[in-house]
Amino acid sequence: MWSDRLSDPGTVAEVVFGLALIALLVSGLIVRKRGGRGDLFKYSAIWIAFAAILLIGYSMKDEAIRLGRTLLAELVPAMGLEEGQAISFRASTNGHFMVEAKVDGQSVRFLVDSGASDVTLTMRDAERLGFDRKALTFDQVYQTANGIVKGAPVRLKRVEIGPVALDDVRASVTEAPLATSLLGMSFLSRLTSWQVEGDRLTLSR
């Protein structure tokens, strides 16, 4: 595979050497048409510099990717920053942690709520995930800060947050007019660890 070969420094050096050789040949053709040894050195220098820039850029690709992901995680906190088998999130301006997840293949944004016993879906998110409102039975009672609310029990086949993924997650669809679905303890308690340090939340599988 080309991706495997390009990870080999020797292969990269061969590519750069080949580019430099092509640059010399191309420059020679230009000189033959336009004349002048000065043109040979000028065009050769340009192409060799271009090859060198490609080599430097390739050698620093991992750092560039890491920097890009870090910047994205700062600009859009819900995207998170992956670190091996863990992912961390910065608190939003209101102090809450928002996470972007894949639920049964659909994107769902959650507010992390350790006070919620289950993953709780808004009716809107539930319908996007394919749950039929008419088929739901709202027979579970939850005590919340805003009083007692009812929910309909459902099962989520798979919930993915970056490298952290769980199958068969217990959840409920709420009748309450929530603005955002909640990532509760039916998900958090099954992780290897989850912890908050300052304004950072880290989830580990």
C-alpha atoms as a PDB file:
ATOM      1  CA  MET A   1       0.000   0.000   0.000  1.00  0.00           C
ATOM      2  CA  TRP A   2       1.210   3.527  -0.775  1.00  0.00           C
ATOM      3  CA  SER A   3       0.282   4.717   2.720  1.00  0.00           C
ATOM      4  CA  ASP A   4       2.599   2.094   4.236  1.00  0.00           C
ATOM      5  CA  ARG A   5       5.436   2.958   1.867  1.00  0.00           C
ATOM      6  CA  LEU A   6       5.144   6.668   2.539  1.00  0.00           C
ATOM      7  CA  SER A   7       5.554   6.033   6.262  1.00  0.00           C
ATOM      8  CA  ASP A   8       9.068   4.778   5.521  1.00  0.00           C
ATOM      9  CA  PRO A   9      11.665   7.615   5.667  1.00  0.00           C
ATOM     10  CA  GLY A  10      13.713   5.881   2.967  1.00  0.00           C
ATOM     11  CA  THR A  11      10.794   5.923   0.581  1.00  0.00           C
ATOM     12  CA  VAL A  12      10.193   9.608   1.293  1.00  0.00           C
ATOM     13  CA  ALA A  13      13.847  10.383   0.545  1.00  0.00           C
ATOM     14  CA  GLU A  14      13.547   8.520  -2.768  1.00  0.00           C
ATOM     15  CA  VAL A  15      10.463  10.538  -3.646  1.00  0.00           C
ATOM     16  CA  VAL A  16      12.235  13.815  -2.894  1.00  0.00           C
ATOM     17  CA  PHE A  17      15.282  12.743  -4.907  1.00  0.00           C
ATOM     18  CA  GLY A  18      12.992  11.829  -7.790  1.00  0.00           C
ATOM     19  CA  LEU A  19      11.286  15.215  -7.615  1.00  0.00           C
ATOM     20  CA  ALA A  20      14.630  16.959  -7.649  1.00  0.00           C
ATOM     21  CA  LEU A  21      15.724  14.905 -10.674  1.00  0.00           C
ATOM     22  CA  ILE A  22      12.489  15.691 -12.492  1.00  0.00           C
ATOM     23  CA  ALA A  23      13.023  19.361 -11.627  1.00  0.00           C
ATOM     24  CA  LEU A  24      16.445  19.292 -13.272  1.00  0.00           C
ATOM     25  CA  LEU A  25      15.077  17.609 -16.404  1.00  0.00           C
ATOM     26  CA  VAL A  26      12.180  20.053 -16.655  1.00  0.00           C
ATOM     27  CA  SER A  27      14.542  22.959 -16.121  1.00  0.00           C
ATOM     28  CA  GLY A  28      16.813  21.616 -18.864  1.00  0.00           C
ATOM     29  CA  LEU A  29      13.919  21.549 -21.300  1.00  0.00           C
ATOM     30  CA  ILE A  30      12.997  25.109 -20.368  1.00  0.00           C
ATOM     31  CA  VAL A  31      16.565  26.233 -20.887  1.00  0.00           C
ATOM     32  CA  ARG A  32      16.684  24.582 -24.315  1.00  0.00           C
ATOM     33  CA  LYS A  33      13.597  26.504 -25.354  1.00  0.00           C
ATOM     34  CA  ARG A  34      14.389  29.824 -23.736  1.00  0.00           C
ATOM     35  CA  GLY A  35      18.128  29.646 -23.443  1.00  0.00           C
ATOM     36  CA  GLY A  36      20.447  30.864 -20.705  1.00  0.00           C
ATOM     37  CA  ARG A  37      22.322  28.993 -17.983  1.00  0.00           C
ATOM     38  CA  GLY A  38      20.915  31.418 -15.465  1.00  0.00           C
ATOM     39  CA  ASP A  39      17.457  30.024 -16.189  1.00  0.00           C
ATOM     40  CA  LEU A  40      18.711  26.511 -15.422  1.00  0.00           C
ATOM     41  CA  PHE A  41      19.826  27.497 -11.932  1.00  0.00           C
ATOM     42  CA  LYS A  42      16.715  29.596 -11.315  1.00  0.00           C
ATOM     43  CA  TYR A  43      14.179  26.941 -12.259  1.00  0.00           C
ATOM     44  CA  SER A  44      16.177  24.166 -10.598  1.00  0.00           C
ATOM     45  CA  ALA A  45      16.297  26.145  -7.351  1.00  0.00           C
ATOM     46  CA  ILE A  46      12.554  26.747  -7.478  1.00  0.00           C
ATOM     47  CA  TRP A  47      11.712  23.086  -7.982  1.00  0.00           C
ATOM     48  CA  ILE A  48      14.212  21.843  -5.404  1.00  0.00           C
ATOM     49  CA  ALA A  49      12.819  24.344  -2.885  1.00  0.00           C
ATOM     50  CA  PHE A  50       9.330  23.080  -3.648  1.00  0.00           C
ATOM     51  CA  ALA A  51      10.465  19.475  -3.066  1.00  0.00           C
ATOM     52  CA  ALA A  52      12.087  20.500   0.216  1.00  0.00           C
ATOM     53  CA  ILE A  53       8.867  22.173   1.371  1.00  0.00           C
ATOM     54  CA  LEU A  54       6.969  18.971   0.592  1.00  0.00           C
ATOM     55  CA  LEU A  55       9.474  16.935   2.607  1.00  0.00           C
ATOM     56  CA  ILE A  56       9.322  19.293   5.607  1.00  0.00           C
ATOM     57  CA  GLY A  57       5.530  19.361   5.464  1.00  0.00           C
ATOM     58  CA  TYR A  58       5.365  15.555   5.337  1.00  0.00           C
ATOM     59  CA  SER A  59       7.794  15.146   8.231  1.00  0.00           C
ATOM     60  CA  MET A  60       5.644  17.453  10.391  1.00  0.00           C
ATOM     61  CA  LYS A  61       2.250  16.052   9.341  1.00  0.00           C
ATOM     62  CA  ASP A  62       1.538  14.448  12.712  1.00  0.00           C
ATOM     63  CA  GLU A  63       2.228  17.707  14.566  1.00  0.00           C
ATOM     64  CA  ALA A  64       0.094  19.627  12.076  1.00  0.00           C
ATOM     65  CA  ILE A  65      -2.802  17.190  12.465  1.00  0.00           C
ATOM     66  CA  ARG A  66      -2.499  17.340  16.261  1.00  0.00           C
ATOM     67  CA  LEU A  67      -2.474  21.148  16.212  1.00  0.00           C
ATOM     68  CA  GLY A  68      -5.509  21.236  13.930  1.00  0.00           C
ATOM     69  CA  ARG A  69      -7.484  18.906  16.193  1.00  0.00           C
ATOM     70  CA  THR A  70      -6.514  20.898  19.277  1.00  0.00           C
ATOM     71  CA  LEU A  71      -7.651  24.154  17.672  1.00  0.00           C
ATOM     72  CA  LEU A  72     -10.929  22.553  16.558  1.00  0.00           C
ATOM     73  CA  ALA A  73     -11.566  21.239  20.076  1.00  0.00           C
ATOM     74  CA  GLU A  74     -11.038  24.741  21.466  1.00  0.00           C
ATOM     75  CA  LEU A  75     -13.243  26.432  18.876  1.00  0.00           C
ATOM     76  CA  VAL A  76     -15.977  23.766  19.020  1.00  0.00           C
ATOM     77  CA  PRO A  77     -15.785  22.215  22.516  1.00  0.00           C
ATOM     78  CA  ALA A  78     -18.433  19.571  21.756  1.00  0.00           C
ATOM     79  CA  MET A  79     -16.108  17.981  19.175  1.00  0.00           C
ATOM     80  CA  GLY A  80     -13.597  16.985  21.857  1.00  0.00           C
ATOM     81  CA  LEU A  81      -9.915  16.073  21.577  1.00  0.00           C
ATOM     82  CA  GLU A  82      -9.039  12.411  21.087  1.00  0.00           C
ATOM     83  CA  GLU A  83      -6.052  11.032  22.974  1.00  0.00           C
ATOM     84  CA  GLY A  84      -5.598   7.322  22.359  1.00  0.00           C
ATOM     85  CA  GLN A  85      -8.568   5.501  23.922  1.00  0.00           C
ATOM     86  CA  ALA A  86      -9.809   8.647  25.641  1.00  0.00           C
ATOM     87  CA  ILE A  87     -11.451  11.892  24.580  1.00  0.00           C
ATOM     88  CA  SER A  88     -11.553  15.173  26.482  1.00  0.00           C
ATOM     89  CA  PHE A  89     -13.891  18.152  26.309  1.00  0.00           C
ATOM     90  CA  ARG A  90     -13.558  21.756  27.439  1.00  0.00           C
ATOM     91  CA  ALA A  91     -16.477  23.236  29.322  1.00  0.00           C
ATOM     92  CA  SER A  92     -18.624  25.659  27.345  1.00  0.00           C
ATOM     93  CA  THR A  93     -19.050  29.264  28.442  1.00  0.00           C
ATOM     94  CA  ASN A  94     -21.964  28.329  30.724  1.00  0.00           C
ATOM     95  CA  GLY A  95     -19.813  25.768  32.551  1.00  0.00           C
ATOM     96  CA  HIS A  96     -21.574  22.715  31.123  1.00  0.00           C
ATOM     97  CA  PHE A  97     -19.985  19.972  29.049  1.00  0.00           C
ATOM     98  CA  MET A  98     -21.482  19.368  25.620  1.00  0.00           C
ATOM     99  CA  VAL A  99     -20.445  16.331  23.572  1.00  0.00           C
ATOM    100  CA  GLU A 100     -21.051  15.367  19.977  1.00  0.00           C
ATOM    101  CA  ALA A 101     -21.927  11.679  19.674  1.00  0.00           C
ATOM    102  CA  LYS A 102     -22.962   9.158  17.050  1.00  0.00           C
ATOM    103  CA  VAL A 103     -26.063   7.267  18.106  1.00  0.00           C
ATOM    104  CA  ASP A 104     -27.012   4.409  15.812  1.00  0.00           C
ATOM    105  CA  GLY A 105     -25.218   6.262  13.025  1.00  0.00           C
ATOM    106  CA  GLN A 106     -26.889   9.638  13.645  1.00  0.00           C
ATOM    107  CA  SER A 107     -25.231  12.727  15.128  1.00  0.00           C
ATOM    108  CA  VAL A 108     -26.677  13.746  18.491  1.00  0.00           C
ATOM    109  CA  ARG A 109     -25.438  16.521  20.761  1.00  0.00           C
ATOM    110  CA  PHE A 110     -25.638  15.760  24.473  1.00  0.00           C
ATOM    111  CA  LEU A 111     -25.346  17.736  27.664  1.00  0.00           C
ATOM    112  CA  VAL A 112     -23.362  15.638  30.158  1.00  0.00           C
ATOM    113  CA  ASP A 113     -25.503  15.197  33.269  1.00  0.00           C
ATOM    114  CA  SER A 114     -24.260  12.859  36.008  1.00  0.00           C
ATOM    115  CA  GLY A 115     -27.486  13.555  37.882  1.00  0.00           C
ATOM    116  CA  ALA A 116     -29.513  11.770  35.193  1.00  0.00           C
ATOM    117  CA  SER A 117     -29.796   8.028  35.774  1.00  0.00           C
ATOM    118  CA  ASP A 118     -30.300   7.290  32.073  1.00  0.00           C
ATOM    119  CA  VAL A 119     -29.299   8.694  28.740  1.00  0.00           C
ATOM    120  CA  THR A 120     -32.275  10.926  28.023  1.00  0.00           C
ATOM    121  CA  LEU A 121     -33.405  11.800  24.507  1.00  0.00           C
ATOM    122  CA  THR A 122     -35.511  14.759  23.531  1.00  0.00           C
ATOM    123  CA  MET A 123     -38.512  13.842  21.423  1.00  0.00           C
ATOM    124  CA  ARG A 124     -36.898  15.527  18.437  1.00  0.00           C
ATOM    125  CA  ASP A 125     -33.714  13.458  18.700  1.00  0.00           C
ATOM    126  CA  ALA A 126     -35.705  10.286  19.344  1.00  0.00           C
ATOM    127  CA  GLU A 127     -37.703  10.784  16.165  1.00  0.00           C
ATOM    128  CA  ARG A 128     -34.515  11.418  14.186  1.00  0.00           C
ATOM    129  CA  LEU A 129     -33.221   8.081  15.507  1.00  0.00           C
ATOM    130  CA  GLY A 130     -36.301   6.339  14.179  1.00  0.00           C
ATOM    131  CA  PHE A 131     -38.449   5.981  17.303  1.00  0.00           C
ATOM    132  CA  ASP A 132     -42.179   6.290  16.645  1.00  0.00           C
ATOM    133  CA  ARG A 133     -43.786   8.568  19.198  1.00  0.00           C
ATOM    134  CA  LYS A 134     -47.071   6.655  19.001  1.00  0.00           C
ATOM    135  CA  ALA A 135     -45.290   3.379  19.826  1.00  0.00           C
ATOM    136  CA  LEU A 136     -43.570   4.738  22.950  1.00  0.00           C
ATOM    137  CA  THR A 137     -44.910   4.003  26.421  1.00  0.00           C
ATOM    138  CA  PHE A 138     -44.212   6.764  28.931  1.00  0.00           C
ATOM    139  CA  ASP A 139     -44.366   4.670  32.085  1.00  0.00           C
ATOM    140  CA  GLN A 140     -41.065   5.559  33.785  1.00  0.00           C
ATOM    141  CA  VAL A 141     -41.077   8.276  36.433  1.00  0.00           C
ATOM    142  CA  TYR A 142     -38.028  10.486  37.007  1.00  0.00           C
ATOM    143  CA  GLN A 143     -37.458  12.974  39.792  1.00  0.00           C
ATOM    144  CA  THR A 144     -35.672  16.034  38.403  1.00  0.00           C
ATOM    145  CA  ALA A 145     -34.756  19.480  39.653  1.00  0.00           C
ATOM    146  CA  ASN A 146     -37.826  20.754  37.836  1.00  0.00           C
ATOM    147  CA  GLY A 147     -40.145  18.143  39.332  1.00  0.00           C
ATOM    148  CA  ILE A 148     -41.412  14.746  38.261  1.00  0.00           C
ATOM    149  CA  VAL A 149     -41.300  13.875  34.552  1.00  0.00           C
ATOM    150  CA  LYS A 150     -42.193  10.737  32.630  1.00  0.00           C
ATOM    151  CA  GLY A 151     -40.060   8.906  30.121  1.00  0.00           C
ATOM    152  CA  ALA A 152     -40.408   6.036  27.666  1.00  0.00           C
ATOM    153  CA  PRO A 153     -37.701   3.328  27.953  1.00  0.00           C
ATOM    154  CA  VAL A 154     -35.713   2.553  24.789  1.00  0.00           C
ATOM    155  CA  ARG A 155     -32.428   0.826  23.929  1.00  0.00           C
ATOM    156  CA  LEU A 156     -29.715   2.403  21.809  1.00  0.00           C
ATOM    157  CA  LYS A 157     -27.766  -0.092  19.717  1.00  0.00           C
ATOM    158  CA  ARG A 158     -24.526   1.901  19.774  1.00  0.00           C
ATOM    159  CA  VAL A 159     -23.323   5.197  21.197  1.00  0.00           C
ATOM    160  CA  GLU A 160     -19.953   6.480  19.958  1.00  0.00           C
ATOM    161  CA  ILE A 161     -18.038   9.484  21.268  1.00  0.00           C
ATOM    162  CA  GLY A 162     -14.716   9.524  19.451  1.00  0.00           C
ATOM    163  CA  PRO A 163     -12.807   6.356  20.462  1.00  0.00           C
ATOM    164  CA  VAL A 164     -15.290   5.667  23.274  1.00  0.00           C
ATOM    165  CA  ALA A 165     -18.120   3.405  22.150  1.00  0.00           C
ATOM    166  CA  LEU A 166     -20.735   1.312  23.966  1.00  0.00           C
ATOM    167  CA  ASP A 167     -23.339  -1.099  22.637  1.00  0.00           C
ATOM    168  CA  ASP A 168     -26.871  -1.649  23.932  1.00  0.00           C
ATOM    169  CA  VAL A 169     -27.198   1.493  26.025  1.00  0.00           C
ATOM    170  CA  ARG A 170     -30.244   1.975  28.240  1.00  0.00           C
ATOM    171  CA  ALA A 171     -32.048   5.250  27.520  1.00  0.00           C
ATOM    172  CA  SER A 172     -35.397   6.970  27.760  1.00  0.00           C
ATOM    173  CA  VAL A 173     -37.338   9.451  25.681  1.00  0.00           C
ATOM    174  CA  THR A 174     -38.624  12.310  27.794  1.00  0.00           C
ATOM    175  CA  GLU A 175     -41.900  14.172  27.630  1.00  0.00           C
ATOM    176  CA  ALA A 176     -40.222  17.188  29.215  1.00  0.00           C
ATOM    177  CA  PRO A 177     -39.411  20.080  26.846  1.00  0.00           C
ATOM    178  CA  LEU A 178     -35.630  19.700  27.068  1.00  0.00           C
ATOM    179  CA  ALA A 179     -33.489  21.782  24.731  1.00  0.00           C
ATOM    180  CA  THR A 180     -30.760  19.104  24.565  1.00  0.00           C
ATOM    181  CA  SER A 181     -30.552  15.370  25.107  1.00  0.00           C
ATOM    182  CA  LEU A 182     -28.721  14.278  28.273  1.00  0.00           C
ATOM    183  CA  LEU A 183     -25.763  11.916  28.579  1.00  0.00           C
ATOM    184  CA  GLY A 184     -26.573  10.235  31.870  1.00  0.00           C
ATOM    185  CA  MET A 185     -25.206   7.476  34.083  1.00  0.00           C
ATOM    186  CA  SER A 186     -26.454   4.554  31.972  1.00  0.00           C
ATOM    187  CA  PHE A 187     -23.568   5.545  29.679  1.00  0.00           C
ATOM    188  CA  LEU A 188     -21.065   7.150  32.056  1.00  0.00           C
ATOM    189  CA  SER A 189     -21.129   4.338  34.647  1.00  0.00           C
ATOM    190  CA  ARG A 190     -20.076   1.764  32.040  1.00  0.00           C
ATOM    191  CA  LEU A 191     -16.878   3.583  31.094  1.00  0.00           C
ATOM    192  CA  THR A 192     -13.459   2.614  32.430  1.00  0.00           C
ATOM    193  CA  SER A 193     -13.322   6.115  33.828  1.00  0.00           C
ATOM    194  CA  TRP A 194     -14.749   9.585  33.459  1.00  0.00           C
ATOM    195  CA  GLN A 195     -13.427  12.555  35.370  1.00  0.00           C
ATOM    196  CA  VAL A 196     -13.626  16.309  35.551  1.00  0.00           C
ATOM    197  CA  GLU A 197     -10.490  18.332  36.258  1.00  0.00           C
ATOM    198  CA  GLY A 198     -10.979  22.079  36.188  1.00  0.00           C
ATOM    199  CA  ASP A 199     -12.741  22.880  32.934  1.00  0.00           C
ATOM    200  CA  ARG A 200     -11.905  19.512  31.336  1.00  0.00           C
ATOM    201  CA  LEU A 201     -14.006  16.370  31.106  1.00  0.00           C
ATOM    202  CA  THR A 202     -12.235  13.166  30.053  1.00  0.00           C
ATOM    203  CA  LEU A 203     -14.017   9.977  28.984  1.00  0.00           C
ATOM    204  CA  SER A 204     -12.065   6.706  28.775  1.00  0.00           C
ATOM    205  CA  ARG A 205     -13.217   3.345  27.461  1.00  0.00           C
END
